[in-house]
Amino acid sequence: MEKKPLVAILVGSSSDLSYVEAATKVLEEFEISYEVLVASAHRTPEKVRNYISQAEERGIKVIIAGAGLSAHLPGVCASLTTLPVIGVPLPAGPLNGFDALLSIVQMPRGIPVATVGIGNMANAAYLAISILALSLPEVQNKLKAYRKKLAET
């Protein structure tokens, strides 16, 4: 039987899927189960709403949402759940992700989105792992070993 996904990764367009691989590689290295969904806050809002509203009951613990331009997907996800949401501004458009970065970090009080650097899906995965490590000792041990190895190199 396959493990239930602990991390959900959402992007607004299939053209954004190329960024997802950096996160999935990290999650696989730590043996963290995940799932990926393409759903747009603007073009398929009901799909986003339905998915996020059922995420917690399906066992999801952390959501990573990547978006470019106006980058509303992370904020919409955060507005629909109390699960931690990590926003990844994707490099798109004439501002190459700077507009997305500003959009994601400027959330209203009470609806926070943790934000990583532009295009940095790998760091989003590491942050998700840090969050999971708070309640999963085996993940915490792997993270400590990884950090020790990182310091040694």
C-alpha atoms as a PDB file:
ATOM      1  CA  MET A   1       0.000   0.000   0.000  1.00  0.00           C
ATOM      2  CA  GLU A   2       1.350   3.402  -1.004  1.00  0.00           C
ATOM      3  CA  LYS A   3       1.925   6.012   1.707  1.00  0.00           C
ATOM      4  CA  LYS A   4      -0.518   8.904   1.876  1.00  0.00           C
ATOM      5  CA  PRO A   5       1.030  12.114   0.581  1.00  0.00           C
ATOM      6  CA  LEU A   6       2.229  14.497   3.278  1.00  0.00           C
ATOM      7  CA  VAL A   7       3.103  17.364   0.939  1.00  0.00           C
ATOM      8  CA  ALA A   8       0.960  18.861  -1.803  1.00  0.00           C
ATOM      9  CA  ILE A   9       2.661  20.783  -4.591  1.00  0.00           C
ATOM     10  CA  LEU A  10       0.440  23.030  -6.663  1.00  0.00           C
ATOM     11  CA  VAL A  11       1.271  25.116  -9.700  1.00  0.00           C
ATOM     12  CA  GLY A  12      -1.068  27.244 -11.743  1.00  0.00           C
ATOM     13  CA  SER A  13      -0.147  25.998 -15.196  1.00  0.00           C
ATOM     14  CA  SER A  14       1.369  22.937 -16.835  1.00  0.00           C
ATOM     15  CA  SER A  15       4.136  25.240 -18.075  1.00  0.00           C
ATOM     16  CA  ASP A  16       5.164  25.623 -14.406  1.00  0.00           C
ATOM     17  CA  LEU A  17       5.742  21.885 -13.952  1.00  0.00           C
ATOM     18  CA  SER A  18       9.403  22.181 -14.961  1.00  0.00           C
ATOM     19  CA  TYR A  19      10.059  23.939 -11.621  1.00  0.00           C
ATOM     20  CA  VAL A  20       8.420  21.187  -9.585  1.00  0.00           C
ATOM     21  CA  GLU A  21      11.178  18.652 -10.224  1.00  0.00           C
ATOM     22  CA  ALA A  22      13.573  20.485  -7.888  1.00  0.00           C
ATOM     23  CA  ALA A  23      11.113  20.007  -5.011  1.00  0.00           C
ATOM     24  CA  THR A  24      10.240  16.420  -5.823  1.00  0.00           C
ATOM     25  CA  LYS A  25      13.908  15.415  -5.933  1.00  0.00           C
ATOM     26  CA  VAL A  26      14.433  16.781  -2.413  1.00  0.00           C
ATOM     27  CA  LEU A  27      11.267  15.173  -1.067  1.00  0.00           C
ATOM     28  CA  GLU A  28      12.225  11.825  -2.604  1.00  0.00           C
ATOM     29  CA  GLU A  29      15.702  12.071  -1.073  1.00  0.00           C
ATOM     30  CA  PHE A  30      14.027  12.369   2.349  1.00  0.00           C
ATOM     31  CA  GLU A  31      11.425   9.699   1.476  1.00  0.00           C
ATOM     32  CA  ILE A  32       8.562  12.163   1.907  1.00  0.00           C
ATOM     33  CA  SER A  33       5.395  11.281   0.016  1.00  0.00           C
ATOM     34  CA  TYR A  34       3.883  14.033  -2.122  1.00  0.00           C
ATOM     35  CA  GLU A  35       1.431  14.750  -4.881  1.00  0.00           C
ATOM     36  CA  VAL A  36       1.413  17.359  -7.626  1.00  0.00           C
ATOM     37  CA  LEU A  37      -1.598  19.230  -8.963  1.00  0.00           C
ATOM     38  CA  VAL A  38      -1.973  21.796 -11.719  1.00  0.00           C
ATOM     39  CA  ALA A  39      -4.775  24.165 -10.739  1.00  0.00           C
ATOM     40  CA  SER A  40      -5.107  27.871 -11.383  1.00  0.00           C
ATOM     41  CA  ALA A  41      -6.442  30.359  -8.842  1.00  0.00           C
ATOM     42  CA  HIS A  42      -7.878  32.297 -11.785  1.00  0.00           C
ATOM     43  CA  ARG A  43      -8.836  29.725 -14.432  1.00  0.00           C
ATOM     44  CA  THR A  44      -9.924  26.822 -12.200  1.00  0.00           C
ATOM     45  CA  PRO A  45     -10.760  28.332  -8.805  1.00  0.00           C
ATOM     46  CA  GLU A  46     -13.266  25.610  -7.882  1.00  0.00           C
ATOM     47  CA  LYS A  47     -10.643  22.935  -8.514  1.00  0.00           C
ATOM     48  CA  VAL A  48      -8.290  24.771  -6.148  1.00  0.00           C
ATOM     49  CA  ARG A  49     -11.041  25.242  -3.551  1.00  0.00           C
ATOM     50  CA  ASN A  50     -12.107  21.597  -3.625  1.00  0.00           C
ATOM     51  CA  TYR A  51      -8.559  20.272  -3.485  1.00  0.00           C
ATOM     52  CA  ILE A  52      -7.424  22.514  -0.623  1.00  0.00           C
ATOM     53  CA  SER A  53     -10.609  22.058   1.402  1.00  0.00           C
ATOM     54  CA  GLN A  54     -10.037  18.274   1.388  1.00  0.00           C
ATOM     55  CA  ALA A  55      -6.247  18.301   1.807  1.00  0.00           C
ATOM     56  CA  GLU A  56      -6.082  18.057   5.591  1.00  0.00           C
ATOM     57  CA  GLU A  57      -8.563  15.188   5.854  1.00  0.00           C
ATOM     58  CA  ARG A  58      -6.548  13.310   3.201  1.00  0.00           C
ATOM     59  CA  GLY A  59      -3.387  13.602   5.335  1.00  0.00           C
ATOM     60  CA  ILE A  60      -1.613  16.532   3.705  1.00  0.00           C
ATOM     61  CA  LYS A  61       0.522  18.394   6.270  1.00  0.00           C
ATOM     62  CA  VAL A  62       2.204  21.099   4.141  1.00  0.00           C
ATOM     63  CA  ILE A  63       1.295  22.816   0.869  1.00  0.00           C
ATOM     64  CA  ILE A  64       3.823  24.215  -1.590  1.00  0.00           C
ATOM     65  CA  ALA A  65       2.261  26.540  -4.168  1.00  0.00           C
ATOM     66  CA  GLY A  66       4.227  27.983  -7.055  1.00  0.00           C
ATOM     67  CA  ALA A  67       2.965  30.811  -9.225  1.00  0.00           C
ATOM     68  CA  GLY A  68       4.229  33.593 -11.424  1.00  0.00           C
ATOM     69  CA  LEU A  69       3.034  37.072 -12.369  1.00  0.00           C
ATOM     70  CA  SER A  70       0.203  38.045  -9.994  1.00  0.00           C
ATOM     71  CA  ALA A  71       0.904  34.817  -8.056  1.00  0.00           C
ATOM     72  CA  HIS A  72      -2.422  34.491  -6.282  1.00  0.00           C
ATOM     73  CA  LEU A  73      -2.318  30.695  -5.934  1.00  0.00           C
ATOM     74  CA  PRO A  74      -0.324  30.556  -2.652  1.00  0.00           C
ATOM     75  CA  GLY A  75      -2.542  33.165  -0.998  1.00  0.00           C
ATOM     76  CA  VAL A  76      -5.752  31.548  -2.173  1.00  0.00           C
ATOM     77  CA  CYS A  77      -4.509  28.218  -0.788  1.00  0.00           C
ATOM     78  CA  ALA A  78      -3.663  29.855   2.550  1.00  0.00           C
ATOM     79  CA  SER A  79      -7.111  31.453   2.698  1.00  0.00           C
ATOM     80  CA  LEU A  80      -8.762  28.040   2.410  1.00  0.00           C
ATOM     81  CA  THR A  81      -6.803  26.091   5.058  1.00  0.00           C
ATOM     82  CA  THR A  82      -4.903  26.374   8.303  1.00  0.00           C
ATOM     83  CA  LEU A  83      -2.183  24.071   6.968  1.00  0.00           C
ATOM     84  CA  PRO A  84       1.186  25.765   6.401  1.00  0.00           C
ATOM     85  CA  VAL A  85       1.520  27.112   2.863  1.00  0.00           C
ATOM     86  CA  ILE A  86       4.886  27.797   1.267  1.00  0.00           C
ATOM     87  CA  GLY A  87       4.758  30.145  -1.698  1.00  0.00           C
ATOM     88  CA  VAL A  88       7.275  29.925  -4.510  1.00  0.00           C
ATOM     89  CA  PRO A  89       7.374  32.924  -6.839  1.00  0.00           C
ATOM     90  CA  LEU A  90       8.124  31.623 -10.321  1.00  0.00           C
ATOM     91  CA  PRO A  91      10.244  33.586 -12.782  1.00  0.00           C
ATOM     92  CA  ALA A  92       7.804  34.698 -15.460  1.00  0.00           C
ATOM     93  CA  GLY A  93       6.844  37.804 -17.370  1.00  0.00           C
ATOM     94  CA  PRO A  94       8.745  41.044 -17.835  1.00  0.00           C
ATOM     95  CA  LEU A  95       9.728  41.276 -14.140  1.00  0.00           C
ATOM     96  CA  ASN A  96      11.075  37.699 -14.098  1.00  0.00           C
ATOM     97  CA  GLY A  97       9.294  36.771 -10.860  1.00  0.00           C
ATOM     98  CA  PHE A  98       9.839  39.931  -8.844  1.00  0.00           C
ATOM     99  CA  ASP A  99       6.138  40.793  -9.164  1.00  0.00           C
ATOM    100  CA  ALA A 100       5.244  37.279  -7.991  1.00  0.00           C
ATOM    101  CA  LEU A 101       7.593  37.606  -5.013  1.00  0.00           C
ATOM    102  CA  LEU A 102       5.969  40.857  -3.907  1.00  0.00           C
ATOM    103  CA  SER A 103       2.486  39.437  -4.402  1.00  0.00           C
ATOM    104  CA  ILE A 104       3.197  36.364  -2.265  1.00  0.00           C
ATOM    105  CA  VAL A 105       4.908  38.153   0.634  1.00  0.00           C
ATOM    106  CA  GLN A 106       2.220  40.856   0.903  1.00  0.00           C
ATOM    107  CA  MET A 107      -0.495  38.705   2.457  1.00  0.00           C
ATOM    108  CA  PRO A 108      -3.070  40.213   4.810  1.00  0.00           C
ATOM    109  CA  ARG A 109      -2.654  39.725   8.557  1.00  0.00           C
ATOM    110  CA  GLY A 110      -3.805  36.309   9.739  1.00  0.00           C
ATOM    111  CA  ILE A 111      -3.358  34.564   6.377  1.00  0.00           C
ATOM    112  CA  PRO A 112       0.411  34.049   6.183  1.00  0.00           C
ATOM    113  CA  VAL A 113       2.318  32.394   3.377  1.00  0.00           C
ATOM    114  CA  ALA A 114       5.926  31.401   3.999  1.00  0.00           C
ATOM    115  CA  THR A 115       7.896  32.509   0.963  1.00  0.00           C
ATOM    116  CA  VAL A 116      11.164  31.341  -0.562  1.00  0.00           C
ATOM    117  CA  GLY A 117      13.299  32.913  -3.262  1.00  0.00           C
ATOM    118  CA  ILE A 118      12.221  33.247  -6.869  1.00  0.00           C
ATOM    119  CA  GLY A 119      12.094  29.819  -8.497  1.00  0.00           C
ATOM    120  CA  ASN A 120      13.530  28.092  -5.418  1.00  0.00           C
ATOM    121  CA  MET A 121      11.316  25.010  -5.247  1.00  0.00           C
ATOM    122  CA  ALA A 122      14.160  23.063  -3.601  1.00  0.00           C
ATOM    123  CA  ASN A 123      14.172  25.408  -0.588  1.00  0.00           C
ATOM    124  CA  ALA A 124      10.391  25.124  -0.417  1.00  0.00           C
ATOM    125  CA  ALA A 125      10.823  21.363  -0.098  1.00  0.00           C
ATOM    126  CA  TYR A 126      13.482  21.791   2.612  1.00  0.00           C
ATOM    127  CA  LEU A 127      11.140  24.126   4.500  1.00  0.00           C
ATOM    128  CA  ALA A 128       8.317  21.585   4.197  1.00  0.00           C
ATOM    129  CA  ILE A 129      10.684  18.936   5.575  1.00  0.00           C
ATOM    130  CA  SER A 130      11.554  21.215   8.513  1.00  0.00           C
ATOM    131  CA  ILE A 131       7.864  21.616   9.277  1.00  0.00           C
ATOM    132  CA  LEU A 132       7.269  17.862   9.061  1.00  0.00           C
ATOM    133  CA  ALA A 133      10.297  17.249  11.308  1.00  0.00           C
ATOM    134  CA  LEU A 134       8.453  18.962  14.172  1.00  0.00           C
ATOM    135  CA  SER A 135       6.122  15.974  14.494  1.00  0.00           C
ATOM    136  CA  LEU A 136       7.955  13.140  12.713  1.00  0.00           C
ATOM    137  CA  PRO A 137      11.133  12.028  14.522  1.00  0.00           C
ATOM    138  CA  GLU A 138      12.380   9.986  11.555  1.00  0.00           C
ATOM    139  CA  VAL A 139      12.213  13.081   9.353  1.00  0.00           C
ATOM    140  CA  GLN A 140      13.942  15.145  12.030  1.00  0.00           C
ATOM    141  CA  ASN A 141      16.771  12.585  12.196  1.00  0.00           C
ATOM    142  CA  LYS A 142      17.221  12.637   8.415  1.00  0.00           C
ATOM    143  CA  LEU A 143      17.209  16.438   8.403  1.00  0.00           C
ATOM    144  CA  LYS A 144      19.832  16.589  11.163  1.00  0.00           C
ATOM    145  CA  ALA A 145      22.019  14.111   9.254  1.00  0.00           C
ATOM    146  CA  TYR A 146      21.590  16.119   6.064  1.00  0.00           C
ATOM    147  CA  ARG A 147      22.534  19.385   7.790  1.00  0.00           C
ATOM    148  CA  LYS A 148      25.582  17.741   9.396  1.00  0.00           C
ATOM    149  CA  LYS A 149      26.707  16.451   6.003  1.00  0.00           C
ATOM    150  CA  LEU A 150      26.081  19.890   4.490  1.00  0.00           C
ATOM    151  CA  ALA A 151      28.291  21.495   7.149  1.00  0.00           C
ATOM    152  CA  GLU A 152      31.054  18.981   6.504  1.00  0.00           C
ATOM    153  CA  THR A 153      31.166  19.772   2.808  1.00  0.00           C
END
